Amino acid sequence: MGLRERKKRETRQRIADVAMGLFAARGFDSVTVAEVARAADVSVNTVFNYFPAKEDLFLDRRDWTEGRPEEVARRREPGESVVRAFRRDVLDAIATRSWRYGFNEGAEVFDALVRASPSLLARIREIQDEREEALAAALDPDGDDVTPRVVAAQILGATRALSGYAVRRMAAGEPWSVIEPALKKQTERAFDLLERGLGG
C-alpha cells in the first residue's frame, strides 16, 4: 500500500473511531456530523467523502459484514452443506469472540446504541435484508427457486437469534465464561433444528 492510500485509510479509521467515541458517550442521535468533523480535526466534506451518511460512521464495517454470509457459503468444505458451514462459522466466532456475530466485548453497548436510534434500527434492517439477498444469490445465482431465499432467511434468522441471546446476557452483566458454554449449546440446538427440519 502506498503512502497516500495508507494516509487515507488512517484518516478514515480516525474519523470512525472518533465518531464511535462520541456516539457511545452521548448517543447516536445527539451527535452531529459537524461535531464528529471538529473532534477528528477534518472538514465536514472530508467526513462525507469517506462516509456517505451519518449511519455509515456508526456502521463502518458494513461492507465486510454484508459480504460475510456469501463468503461462508462459498468457502464450504467439499460435501459440506450450507447449514453445516454456518454452524462451524458461528462456533468459531464464539471461540474467538468475533464481532461478526456480535460476540465481541462491548457488543451490548453497540446494541443499546442501535436500539435507541430509529434511523440506526432502520439501517440495520436494510443491511439484514441485503445480507439475506446476497446469501440467497450465492446459493442460487439464477434466482428462479424460492428455496435459497428460505434457507438464507432461516440461517441468518438463527444467527441473529444467537447474537441477541449473547448480547442480552452480556447486558445483564454475566461473564463470558458463563455465557460461552450456554451459547454453544444454543448454537448446536439452533443448527440441529435447521439441519433436521423444524418438524413439530
N, C-alpha and C. Protein backbone atom coordinates (compact mmCIF):
# COMPACT_ATOMS: atom_id res chain seq x y z
N MET A 1 0.85 -1.19 0.00
CA MET A 1 0.00 0.00 0.00
C MET A 1 0.89 1.24 0.00
N GLY A 2 0.59 2.18 -0.91
CA GLY A 2 1.38 3.40 -0.99
C GLY A 2 1.08 4.34 0.16
N LEU A 3 1.93 5.37 0.29
CA LEU A 3 1.79 6.32 1.39
C LEU A 3 0.43 7.03 1.34
N ARG A 4 0.00 7.43 0.14
CA ARG A 4 -1.27 8.15 0.01
C ARG A 4 -2.45 7.28 0.46
N GLU A 5 -2.45 6.03 0.01
CA GLU A 5 -3.53 5.13 0.40
C GLU A 5 -3.52 4.86 1.90
N ARG A 6 -2.32 4.72 2.46
CA ARG A 6 -2.21 4.47 3.89
C ARG A 6 -2.74 5.65 4.69
N LYS A 7 -2.42 6.87 4.23
CA LYS A 7 -2.90 8.08 4.92
C LYS A 7 -4.42 8.16 4.86
N LYS A 8 -4.98 7.83 3.69
CA LYS A 8 -6.44 7.87 3.55
C LYS A 8 -7.10 6.85 4.48
N ARG A 9 -6.49 5.69 4.55
CA ARG A 9 -7.03 4.64 5.42
C ARG A 9 -6.97 5.07 6.89
N GLU A 10 -5.85 5.68 7.27
CA GLU A 10 -5.68 6.15 8.65
C GLU A 10 -6.70 7.25 8.98
N THR A 11 -6.92 8.15 8.02
CA THR A 11 -7.89 9.23 8.23
C THR A 11 -9.29 8.66 8.40
N ARG A 12 -9.65 7.71 7.55
CA ARG A 12 -10.97 7.07 7.64
C ARG A 12 -11.16 6.40 9.00
N GLN A 13 -10.13 5.68 9.44
CA GLN A 13 -10.21 4.98 10.71
C GLN A 13 -10.31 5.96 11.88
N ARG A 14 -9.55 7.06 11.81
CA ARG A 14 -9.59 8.06 12.88
C ARG A 14 -10.98 8.68 12.98
N ILE A 15 -11.58 9.02 11.84
CA ILE A 15 -12.93 9.60 11.84
C ILE A 15 -13.92 8.62 12.45
N ALA A 16 -13.85 7.35 12.03
CA ALA A 16 -14.78 6.33 12.55
C ALA A 16 -14.59 6.14 14.05
N ASP A 17 -13.35 6.11 14.51
CA ASP A 17 -13.07 5.91 15.94
C ASP A 17 -13.58 7.09 16.77
N VAL A 18 -13.34 8.30 16.28
CA VAL A 18 -13.79 9.50 16.99
C VAL A 18 -15.32 9.51 17.04
N ALA A 19 -15.95 9.20 15.91
CA ALA A 19 -17.41 9.18 15.86
C ALA A 19 -17.97 8.17 16.85
N MET A 20 -17.40 6.97 16.88
CA MET A 20 -17.92 5.94 17.78
C MET A 20 -17.76 6.36 19.24
N GLY A 21 -16.66 7.03 19.56
CA GLY A 21 -16.47 7.53 20.92
C GLY A 21 -17.54 8.52 21.31
N LEU A 22 -17.87 9.43 20.39
CA LEU A 22 -18.92 10.42 20.65
C LEU A 22 -20.29 9.76 20.75
N PHE A 23 -20.56 8.82 19.86
CA PHE A 23 -21.85 8.12 19.90
C PHE A 23 -22.02 7.35 21.20
N ALA A 24 -20.95 6.69 21.64
CA ALA A 24 -21.02 5.91 22.87
C ALA A 24 -21.25 6.80 24.09
N ALA A 25 -20.67 8.00 24.05
CA ALA A 25 -20.79 8.91 25.19
C ALA A 25 -22.14 9.62 25.24
N ARG A 26 -22.69 9.96 24.05
CA ARG A 26 -23.87 10.83 24.03
C ARG A 26 -25.07 10.25 23.29
N GLY A 27 -24.90 9.13 22.62
CA GLY A 27 -25.99 8.57 21.82
C GLY A 27 -25.89 9.03 20.38
N PHE A 28 -26.28 8.15 19.47
CA PHE A 28 -26.13 8.42 18.04
C PHE A 28 -26.87 9.68 17.61
N ASP A 29 -28.13 9.81 18.00
CA ASP A 29 -28.96 10.92 17.52
C ASP A 29 -28.55 12.27 18.09
N SER A 30 -27.77 12.28 19.18
CA SER A 30 -27.37 13.53 19.82
C SER A 30 -26.08 14.12 19.24
N VAL A 31 -25.43 13.39 18.36
CA VAL A 31 -24.15 13.83 17.80
C VAL A 31 -24.34 14.21 16.34
N THR A 32 -23.81 15.37 15.94
CA THR A 32 -23.91 15.79 14.54
C THR A 32 -22.62 15.43 13.79
N VAL A 33 -22.73 15.40 12.47
CA VAL A 33 -21.55 15.13 11.64
C VAL A 33 -20.53 16.26 11.82
N ALA A 34 -21.02 17.48 11.98
CA ALA A 34 -20.11 18.62 12.19
C ALA A 34 -19.28 18.44 13.47
N GLU A 35 -19.91 17.91 14.52
CA GLU A 35 -19.19 17.66 15.77
C GLU A 35 -18.13 16.56 15.58
N VAL A 36 -18.47 15.55 14.82
CA VAL A 36 -17.50 14.49 14.52
C VAL A 36 -16.32 15.07 13.76
N ALA A 37 -16.61 15.90 12.76
CA ALA A 37 -15.55 16.51 11.95
C ALA A 37 -14.62 17.37 12.81
N ARG A 38 -15.22 18.18 13.69
CA ARG A 38 -14.41 19.02 14.59
C ARG A 38 -13.51 18.18 15.48
N ALA A 39 -14.09 17.13 16.08
CA ALA A 39 -13.32 16.29 17.01
C ALA A 39 -12.23 15.51 16.29
N ALA A 40 -12.46 15.16 15.02
CA ALA A 40 -11.46 14.41 14.25
C ALA A 40 -10.48 15.34 13.53
N ASP A 41 -10.71 16.66 13.64
CA ASP A 41 -9.85 17.67 13.02
C ASP A 41 -9.85 17.55 11.50
N VAL A 42 -11.04 17.38 10.93
CA VAL A 42 -11.21 17.36 9.48
C VAL A 42 -12.45 18.19 9.14
N SER A 43 -12.65 18.45 7.85
CA SER A 43 -13.84 19.19 7.43
C SER A 43 -15.04 18.25 7.33
N VAL A 44 -16.23 18.84 7.33
CA VAL A 44 -17.45 18.05 7.16
C VAL A 44 -17.42 17.34 5.80
N ASN A 45 -16.93 18.04 4.77
CA ASN A 45 -16.83 17.43 3.44
C ASN A 45 -15.94 16.20 3.46
N THR A 46 -14.85 16.26 4.23
CA THR A 46 -13.96 15.10 4.33
C THR A 46 -14.68 13.91 4.96
N VAL A 47 -15.47 14.18 5.99
CA VAL A 47 -16.24 13.10 6.62
C VAL A 47 -17.14 12.45 5.57
N PHE A 48 -17.87 13.27 4.79
CA PHE A 48 -18.79 12.72 3.81
C PHE A 48 -18.07 12.07 2.62
N ASN A 49 -16.82 12.45 2.38
CA ASN A 49 -16.04 11.76 1.34
C ASN A 49 -15.80 10.30 1.71
N TYR A 50 -15.65 10.05 3.00
CA TYR A 50 -15.40 8.68 3.48
C TYR A 50 -16.68 7.95 3.85
N PHE A 51 -17.66 8.69 4.33
CA PHE A 51 -18.90 8.09 4.85
C PHE A 51 -20.09 8.84 4.25
N PRO A 52 -20.79 8.25 3.28
CA PRO A 52 -21.88 8.95 2.60
C PRO A 52 -23.01 9.41 3.50
N ALA A 53 -23.25 8.71 4.61
CA ALA A 53 -24.33 9.08 5.53
C ALA A 53 -23.84 8.94 6.97
N LYS A 54 -24.50 9.63 7.85
CA LYS A 54 -24.12 9.58 9.27
C LYS A 54 -24.14 8.15 9.80
N GLU A 55 -25.14 7.36 9.38
CA GLU A 55 -25.24 5.97 9.84
C GLU A 55 -24.00 5.16 9.45
N ASP A 56 -23.36 5.52 8.33
CA ASP A 56 -22.17 4.79 7.89
C ASP A 56 -20.98 5.02 8.83
N LEU A 57 -20.99 6.14 9.53
CA LEU A 57 -19.96 6.38 10.55
C LEU A 57 -20.06 5.35 11.67
N PHE A 58 -21.29 5.01 11.99
CA PHE A 58 -21.53 4.04 13.07
C PHE A 58 -21.28 2.62 12.58
N LEU A 59 -21.66 2.37 11.34
CA LEU A 59 -21.55 1.02 10.77
C LEU A 59 -20.36 0.95 9.82
N ASP A 60 -19.19 1.32 10.31
CA ASP A 60 -18.03 1.45 9.43
C ASP A 60 -17.48 0.13 8.92
N ARG A 61 -17.98 -1.01 9.43
CA ARG A 61 -17.57 -2.32 8.92
C ARG A 61 -18.63 -2.92 8.01
N ARG A 62 -19.55 -2.11 7.56
CA ARG A 62 -20.73 -2.60 6.83
C ARG A 62 -20.35 -3.41 5.59
N ASP A 63 -19.44 -2.92 4.77
CA ASP A 63 -19.11 -3.63 3.54
C ASP A 63 -18.64 -5.05 3.83
N TRP A 64 -17.82 -5.19 4.87
CA TRP A 64 -17.29 -6.52 5.21
C TRP A 64 -18.40 -7.41 5.73
N THR A 65 -19.24 -6.88 6.58
CA THR A 65 -20.28 -7.74 7.16
C THR A 65 -21.31 -8.14 6.12
N GLU A 66 -21.58 -7.26 5.16
CA GLU A 66 -22.54 -7.62 4.11
C GLU A 66 -22.02 -8.80 3.28
N GLY A 67 -20.71 -8.83 3.06
CA GLY A 67 -20.14 -9.90 2.24
C GLY A 67 -19.96 -11.21 2.98
N ARG A 68 -20.03 -11.18 4.28
CA ARG A 68 -19.69 -12.37 5.08
C ARG A 68 -20.58 -13.59 4.82
N PRO A 69 -21.89 -13.48 4.82
CA PRO A 69 -22.69 -14.70 4.64
C PRO A 69 -22.39 -15.43 3.34
N GLU A 70 -22.25 -14.68 2.26
CA GLU A 70 -21.97 -15.36 0.99
C GLU A 70 -20.58 -15.98 0.99
N GLU A 71 -19.65 -15.36 1.72
CA GLU A 71 -18.31 -15.95 1.82
C GLU A 71 -18.34 -17.27 2.57
N VAL A 72 -19.12 -17.34 3.64
CA VAL A 72 -19.26 -18.59 4.39
C VAL A 72 -19.81 -19.67 3.47
N ALA A 73 -20.81 -19.31 2.66
CA ALA A 73 -21.40 -20.28 1.73
C ALA A 73 -20.41 -20.71 0.67
N ARG A 74 -19.65 -19.77 0.13
CA ARG A 74 -18.72 -20.09 -0.95
C ARG A 74 -17.51 -20.89 -0.48
N ARG A 75 -17.14 -20.72 0.78
CA ARG A 75 -15.95 -21.40 1.30
C ARG A 75 -16.27 -22.73 1.98
N ARG A 76 -17.43 -23.28 1.68
CA ARG A 76 -17.78 -24.58 2.25
C ARG A 76 -16.73 -25.62 1.88
N GLU A 77 -16.53 -26.54 2.80
CA GLU A 77 -15.64 -27.65 2.52
C GLU A 77 -16.33 -28.62 1.56
N PRO A 78 -15.58 -29.44 0.82
CA PRO A 78 -16.21 -30.39 -0.12
C PRO A 78 -17.26 -31.25 0.59
N GLY A 79 -18.45 -31.27 0.03
CA GLY A 79 -19.54 -32.07 0.60
C GLY A 79 -20.22 -31.45 1.80
N GLU A 80 -19.80 -30.27 2.22
CA GLU A 80 -20.38 -29.63 3.41
C GLU A 80 -21.62 -28.83 3.02
N SER A 81 -22.71 -29.01 3.75
CA SER A 81 -23.93 -28.24 3.49
C SER A 81 -23.75 -26.81 3.98
N VAL A 82 -24.59 -25.92 3.48
CA VAL A 82 -24.51 -24.52 3.90
C VAL A 82 -24.86 -24.39 5.39
N VAL A 83 -25.78 -25.23 5.88
CA VAL A 83 -26.13 -25.19 7.31
C VAL A 83 -24.93 -25.59 8.16
N ARG A 84 -24.23 -26.65 7.75
CA ARG A 84 -23.04 -27.08 8.49
C ARG A 84 -21.93 -26.02 8.44
N ALA A 85 -21.79 -25.35 7.31
CA ALA A 85 -20.78 -24.30 7.18
C ALA A 85 -21.05 -23.15 8.14
N PHE A 86 -22.32 -22.78 8.27
CA PHE A 86 -22.67 -21.69 9.19
C PHE A 86 -22.55 -22.14 10.65
N ARG A 87 -22.90 -23.38 10.92
CA ARG A 87 -22.71 -23.90 12.29
C ARG A 87 -21.24 -23.76 12.67
N ARG A 88 -20.37 -24.20 11.79
CA ARG A 88 -18.92 -24.15 12.04
C ARG A 88 -18.46 -22.70 12.21
N ASP A 89 -18.97 -21.81 11.37
CA ASP A 89 -18.54 -20.41 11.43
C ASP A 89 -19.00 -19.74 12.72
N VAL A 90 -20.23 -20.02 13.13
CA VAL A 90 -20.74 -19.42 14.38
C VAL A 90 -19.97 -19.96 15.58
N LEU A 91 -19.70 -21.26 15.61
CA LEU A 91 -18.93 -21.83 16.72
C LEU A 91 -17.52 -21.25 16.77
N ASP A 92 -16.93 -21.01 15.60
CA ASP A 92 -15.61 -20.36 15.56
C ASP A 92 -15.71 -18.93 16.10
N ALA A 93 -16.78 -18.22 15.74
CA ALA A 93 -16.97 -16.85 16.23
C ALA A 93 -17.12 -16.82 17.74
N ILE A 94 -17.79 -17.82 18.30
CA ILE A 94 -17.93 -17.91 19.76
C ILE A 94 -16.56 -18.13 20.39
N ALA A 95 -15.80 -19.05 19.84
CA ALA A 95 -14.48 -19.39 20.40
C ALA A 95 -13.52 -18.21 20.35
N THR A 96 -13.65 -17.37 19.30
CA THR A 96 -12.72 -16.24 19.13
C THR A 96 -13.33 -14.90 19.57
N ARG A 97 -14.59 -14.95 20.07
CA ARG A 97 -15.32 -13.74 20.47
C ARG A 97 -15.35 -12.72 19.33
N SER A 98 -15.65 -13.20 18.14
CA SER A 98 -15.66 -12.35 16.95
C SER A 98 -16.84 -11.40 16.95
N TRP A 99 -16.60 -10.21 16.42
CA TRP A 99 -17.67 -9.21 16.32
C TRP A 99 -18.64 -9.53 15.19
N ARG A 100 -18.26 -10.45 14.26
CA ARG A 100 -19.11 -10.65 13.08
C ARG A 100 -20.49 -11.19 13.43
N TYR A 101 -20.64 -11.82 14.60
CA TYR A 101 -21.97 -12.24 15.05
C TYR A 101 -22.35 -11.55 16.38
N GLY A 102 -21.61 -10.53 16.75
CA GLY A 102 -21.94 -9.79 17.96
C GLY A 102 -21.53 -10.47 19.25
N PHE A 103 -20.45 -11.24 19.19
CA PHE A 103 -19.98 -11.93 20.40
C PHE A 103 -18.79 -11.21 21.05
N ASN A 104 -18.38 -10.11 20.48
CA ASN A 104 -17.22 -9.38 20.99
C ASN A 104 -17.55 -8.60 22.26
N GLU A 105 -16.51 -8.29 23.00
CA GLU A 105 -16.66 -7.44 24.18
C GLU A 105 -17.19 -6.08 23.74
N GLY A 106 -18.20 -5.59 24.40
CA GLY A 106 -18.79 -4.29 24.05
C GLY A 106 -19.95 -4.39 23.08
N ALA A 107 -20.31 -5.60 22.65
CA ALA A 107 -21.42 -5.75 21.71
C ALA A 107 -22.73 -5.25 22.32
N GLU A 108 -22.87 -5.37 23.63
CA GLU A 108 -24.09 -4.91 24.28
C GLU A 108 -24.22 -3.39 24.22
N VAL A 109 -23.08 -2.67 24.23
CA VAL A 109 -23.09 -1.21 24.11
C VAL A 109 -23.55 -0.82 22.71
N PHE A 110 -22.97 -1.49 21.70
CA PHE A 110 -23.36 -1.28 20.31
C PHE A 110 -24.86 -1.51 20.14
N ASP A 111 -25.36 -2.61 20.69
CA ASP A 111 -26.76 -2.97 20.57
C ASP A 111 -27.66 -1.91 21.21
N ALA A 112 -27.27 -1.43 22.39
CA ALA A 112 -28.07 -0.41 23.08
C ALA A 112 -28.13 0.89 22.28
N LEU A 113 -27.01 1.26 21.66
CA LEU A 113 -26.98 2.47 20.83
C LEU A 113 -27.91 2.32 19.63
N VAL A 114 -27.89 1.16 19.01
CA VAL A 114 -28.76 0.91 17.85
C VAL A 114 -30.22 0.98 18.27
N ARG A 115 -30.57 0.33 19.37
CA ARG A 115 -31.97 0.28 19.81
C ARG A 115 -32.50 1.66 20.20
N ALA A 116 -31.60 2.55 20.59
CA ALA A 116 -32.02 3.90 21.00
C ALA A 116 -32.22 4.84 19.81
N SER A 117 -31.87 4.40 18.60
CA SER A 117 -31.94 5.28 17.44
C SER A 117 -32.80 4.67 16.34
N PRO A 118 -33.95 5.28 16.03
CA PRO A 118 -34.80 4.76 14.95
C PRO A 118 -34.09 4.68 13.61
N SER A 119 -33.23 5.66 13.30
CA SER A 119 -32.55 5.64 12.00
C SER A 119 -31.53 4.51 11.92
N LEU A 120 -30.85 4.22 13.02
CA LEU A 120 -29.91 3.09 13.03
C LEU A 120 -30.64 1.76 12.95
N LEU A 121 -31.77 1.65 13.65
CA LEU A 121 -32.57 0.43 13.57
C LEU A 121 -33.03 0.18 12.14
N ALA A 122 -33.46 1.23 11.47
CA ALA A 122 -33.92 1.10 10.08
C ALA A 122 -32.77 0.68 9.17
N ARG A 123 -31.60 1.26 9.40
CA ARG A 123 -30.43 0.92 8.57
C ARG A 123 -29.99 -0.52 8.81
N ILE A 124 -30.02 -0.95 10.06
CA ILE A 124 -29.64 -2.34 10.38
C ILE A 124 -30.60 -3.31 9.69
N ARG A 125 -31.89 -2.98 9.67
CA ARG A 125 -32.86 -3.85 9.00
C ARG A 125 -32.60 -3.91 7.49
N GLU A 126 -32.22 -2.77 6.91
CA GLU A 126 -31.85 -2.76 5.49
C GLU A 126 -30.66 -3.67 5.23
N ILE A 127 -29.67 -3.58 6.10
CA ILE A 127 -28.47 -4.41 5.95
C ILE A 127 -28.82 -5.89 6.09
N GLN A 128 -29.70 -6.21 7.02
CA GLN A 128 -30.12 -7.60 7.19
C GLN A 128 -30.79 -8.13 5.93
N ASP A 129 -31.63 -7.30 5.32
CA ASP A 129 -32.28 -7.70 4.06
C ASP A 129 -31.24 -7.90 2.96
N GLU A 130 -30.28 -6.99 2.89
CA GLU A 130 -29.22 -7.10 1.88
C GLU A 130 -28.39 -8.37 2.08
N ARG A 131 -28.12 -8.70 3.33
CA ARG A 131 -27.35 -9.91 3.64
C ARG A 131 -28.11 -11.17 3.20
N GLU A 132 -29.42 -11.18 3.44
CA GLU A 132 -30.23 -12.33 3.02
C GLU A 132 -30.24 -12.45 1.50
N GLU A 133 -30.39 -11.31 0.82
CA GLU A 133 -30.38 -11.32 -0.65
C GLU A 133 -29.04 -11.84 -1.18
N ALA A 134 -27.94 -11.38 -0.57
CA ALA A 134 -26.61 -11.80 -1.02
C ALA A 134 -26.39 -13.29 -0.82
N LEU A 135 -26.83 -13.80 0.33
CA LEU A 135 -26.67 -15.23 0.60
C LEU A 135 -27.53 -16.05 -0.35
N ALA A 136 -28.78 -15.64 -0.57
CA ALA A 136 -29.66 -16.36 -1.49
C ALA A 136 -29.07 -16.37 -2.90
N ALA A 137 -28.51 -15.24 -3.31
CA ALA A 137 -27.91 -15.15 -4.64
C ALA A 137 -26.69 -16.06 -4.76
N ALA A 138 -25.92 -16.18 -3.69
CA ALA A 138 -24.75 -17.06 -3.71
C ALA A 138 -25.17 -18.53 -3.81
N LEU A 139 -26.32 -18.86 -3.21
CA LEU A 139 -26.80 -20.24 -3.25
C LEU A 139 -27.48 -20.58 -4.58
N ASP A 140 -28.09 -19.57 -5.20
CA ASP A 140 -28.79 -19.79 -6.47
C ASP A 140 -28.68 -18.53 -7.32
N PRO A 141 -27.59 -18.41 -8.12
CA PRO A 141 -27.38 -17.19 -8.91
C PRO A 141 -28.51 -16.88 -9.88
N ASP A 142 -29.25 -17.91 -10.34
CA ASP A 142 -30.34 -17.68 -11.29
C ASP A 142 -31.58 -17.09 -10.62
N GLY A 143 -31.75 -17.37 -9.34
CA GLY A 143 -32.87 -16.79 -8.59
C GLY A 143 -34.24 -17.28 -8.99
N ASP A 144 -34.31 -18.48 -9.56
CA ASP A 144 -35.60 -18.99 -10.02
C ASP A 144 -36.37 -19.76 -8.95
N ASP A 145 -35.71 -20.12 -7.88
CA ASP A 145 -36.31 -21.00 -6.88
C ASP A 145 -36.42 -20.26 -5.55
N VAL A 146 -37.51 -20.52 -4.83
CA VAL A 146 -37.71 -19.87 -3.54
C VAL A 146 -36.83 -20.49 -2.45
N THR A 147 -36.36 -21.72 -2.67
CA THR A 147 -35.62 -22.44 -1.61
C THR A 147 -34.42 -21.65 -1.08
N PRO A 148 -33.53 -21.10 -1.94
CA PRO A 148 -32.40 -20.35 -1.39
C PRO A 148 -32.80 -19.17 -0.51
N ARG A 149 -33.91 -18.53 -0.83
CA ARG A 149 -34.38 -17.41 -0.01
C ARG A 149 -34.86 -17.90 1.36
N VAL A 150 -35.55 -19.04 1.35
CA VAL A 150 -35.99 -19.62 2.63
C VAL A 150 -34.79 -20.02 3.46
N VAL A 151 -33.81 -20.67 2.82
CA VAL A 151 -32.59 -21.11 3.52
C VAL A 151 -31.85 -19.90 4.10
N ALA A 152 -31.65 -18.87 3.27
CA ALA A 152 -30.93 -17.67 3.73
C ALA A 152 -31.65 -17.01 4.90
N ALA A 153 -32.98 -16.90 4.81
CA ALA A 153 -33.75 -16.26 5.88
C ALA A 153 -33.65 -17.07 7.18
N GLN A 154 -33.73 -18.40 7.08
CA GLN A 154 -33.68 -19.23 8.28
C GLN A 154 -32.29 -19.22 8.92
N ILE A 155 -31.25 -19.34 8.11
CA ILE A 155 -29.89 -19.35 8.67
C ILE A 155 -29.56 -18.01 9.32
N LEU A 156 -29.81 -16.92 8.61
CA LEU A 156 -29.46 -15.61 9.16
C LEU A 156 -30.39 -15.23 10.31
N GLY A 157 -31.62 -15.72 10.28
CA GLY A 157 -32.51 -15.53 11.43
C GLY A 157 -31.96 -16.23 12.66
N ALA A 158 -31.41 -17.43 12.46
CA ALA A 158 -30.81 -18.17 13.58
C ALA A 158 -29.60 -17.43 14.13
N THR A 159 -28.75 -16.90 13.24
CA THR A 159 -27.56 -16.19 13.73
C THR A 159 -27.96 -14.92 14.48
N ARG A 160 -29.02 -14.25 14.04
CA ARG A 160 -29.48 -13.06 14.75
C ARG A 160 -30.04 -13.43 16.12
N ALA A 161 -30.75 -14.55 16.19
CA ALA A 161 -31.29 -15.01 17.49
C ALA A 161 -30.16 -15.33 18.45
N LEU A 162 -29.11 -15.97 17.95
CA LEU A 162 -27.97 -16.32 18.80
C LEU A 162 -27.22 -15.07 19.26
N SER A 163 -27.07 -14.12 18.35
CA SER A 163 -26.44 -12.84 18.71
C SER A 163 -27.25 -12.13 19.79
N GLY A 164 -28.57 -12.10 19.60
CA GLY A 164 -29.43 -11.45 20.60
C GLY A 164 -29.34 -12.12 21.95
N TYR A 165 -29.28 -13.45 21.95
CA TYR A 165 -29.14 -14.22 23.20
C TYR A 165 -27.86 -13.82 23.93
N ALA A 166 -26.75 -13.78 23.19
CA ALA A 166 -25.46 -13.43 23.80
C ALA A 166 -25.46 -12.00 24.32
N VAL A 167 -25.99 -11.08 23.51
CA VAL A 167 -25.99 -9.66 23.89
C VAL A 167 -26.85 -9.42 25.13
N ARG A 168 -28.02 -10.07 25.21
CA ARG A 168 -28.88 -9.90 26.39
C ARG A 168 -28.16 -10.35 27.66
N ARG A 169 -27.44 -11.45 27.57
CA ARG A 169 -26.74 -11.94 28.76
C ARG A 169 -25.54 -11.06 29.11
N MET A 170 -24.87 -10.52 28.09
CA MET A 170 -23.77 -9.57 28.36
C MET A 170 -24.31 -8.30 29.01
N ALA A 171 -25.45 -7.84 28.49
CA ALA A 171 -26.05 -6.62 29.05
C ALA A 171 -26.48 -6.82 30.50
N ALA A 172 -26.80 -8.06 30.85
CA ALA A 172 -27.19 -8.37 32.24
C ALA A 172 -25.97 -8.50 33.15
N GLY A 173 -24.78 -8.35 32.58
CA GLY A 173 -23.56 -8.36 33.39
C GLY A 173 -22.95 -9.73 33.61
N GLU A 174 -23.44 -10.75 32.90
CA GLU A 174 -22.87 -12.09 33.06
C GLU A 174 -21.48 -12.16 32.42
N PRO A 175 -20.56 -12.89 33.04
CA PRO A 175 -19.22 -13.02 32.45
C PRO A 175 -19.25 -13.96 31.24
N TRP A 176 -18.33 -13.76 30.31
CA TRP A 176 -18.27 -14.60 29.11
C TRP A 176 -18.04 -16.07 29.46
N SER A 177 -17.32 -16.32 30.53
CA SER A 177 -17.05 -17.71 30.94
C SER A 177 -18.34 -18.47 31.25
N VAL A 178 -19.40 -17.74 31.63
CA VAL A 178 -20.71 -18.35 31.90
C VAL A 178 -21.54 -18.37 30.61
N ILE A 179 -21.45 -17.30 29.84
CA ILE A 179 -22.25 -17.19 28.62
C ILE A 179 -21.80 -18.20 27.56
N GLU A 180 -20.49 -18.37 27.40
CA GLU A 180 -19.96 -19.17 26.29
C GLU A 180 -20.50 -20.59 26.23
N PRO A 181 -20.44 -21.38 27.33
CA PRO A 181 -20.96 -22.75 27.21
C PRO A 181 -22.45 -22.81 26.90
N ALA A 182 -23.21 -21.89 27.47
CA ALA A 182 -24.66 -21.86 27.20
C ALA A 182 -24.91 -21.47 25.74
N LEU A 183 -24.13 -20.53 25.24
CA LEU A 183 -24.27 -20.08 23.86
C LEU A 183 -23.91 -21.20 22.87
N LYS A 184 -22.91 -21.99 23.20
CA LYS A 184 -22.55 -23.13 22.35
C LYS A 184 -23.70 -24.12 22.28
N LYS A 185 -24.33 -24.39 23.42
CA LYS A 185 -25.47 -25.32 23.45
C LYS A 185 -26.63 -24.77 22.61
N GLN A 186 -26.90 -23.48 22.76
CA GLN A 186 -27.97 -22.86 21.98
C GLN A 186 -27.67 -22.91 20.48
N THR A 187 -26.39 -22.73 20.14
CA THR A 187 -25.99 -22.79 18.73
C THR A 187 -26.20 -24.18 18.15
N GLU A 188 -25.78 -25.19 18.91
CA GLU A 188 -25.97 -26.58 18.44
C GLU A 188 -27.46 -26.88 18.28
N ARG A 189 -28.26 -26.42 19.23
CA ARG A 189 -29.71 -26.66 19.17
C ARG A 189 -30.33 -25.97 17.96
N ALA A 190 -29.95 -24.72 17.74
CA ALA A 190 -30.50 -23.96 16.61
C ALA A 190 -30.14 -24.61 15.28
N PHE A 191 -28.89 -25.02 15.13
CA PHE A 191 -28.48 -25.60 13.86
C PHE A 191 -28.96 -27.04 13.69
N ASP A 192 -29.19 -27.73 14.80
CA ASP A 192 -29.85 -29.04 14.70
C ASP A 192 -31.26 -28.88 14.11
N LEU A 193 -31.97 -27.87 14.58
CA LEU A 193 -33.32 -27.60 14.06
C LEU A 193 -33.26 -27.29 12.56
N LEU A 194 -32.29 -26.48 12.16
CA LEU A 194 -32.18 -26.13 10.75
C LEU A 194 -31.80 -27.35 9.91
N GLU A 195 -30.91 -28.16 10.44
CA GLU A 195 -30.40 -29.30 9.68
C GLU A 195 -31.43 -30.42 9.53
N ARG A 196 -32.20 -30.64 10.58
CA ARG A 196 -33.13 -31.78 10.58
C ARG A 196 -34.55 -31.37 10.18
N GLY A 197 -34.80 -30.08 10.13
CA GLY A 197 -36.16 -29.62 9.83
C GLY A 197 -36.90 -29.31 11.10
N LEU A 198 -37.76 -28.32 11.06
CA LEU A 198 -38.47 -27.88 12.26
C LEU A 198 -39.48 -28.91 12.75
N GLY A 199 -40.05 -29.65 11.83
CA GLY A 199 -40.98 -30.71 12.21
C GLY A 199 -42.10 -30.19 13.11
N GLY A 200 -42.27 -30.87 14.24
CA GLY A 200 -43.35 -30.50 15.15
C GLY A 200 -43.03 -29.27 15.96
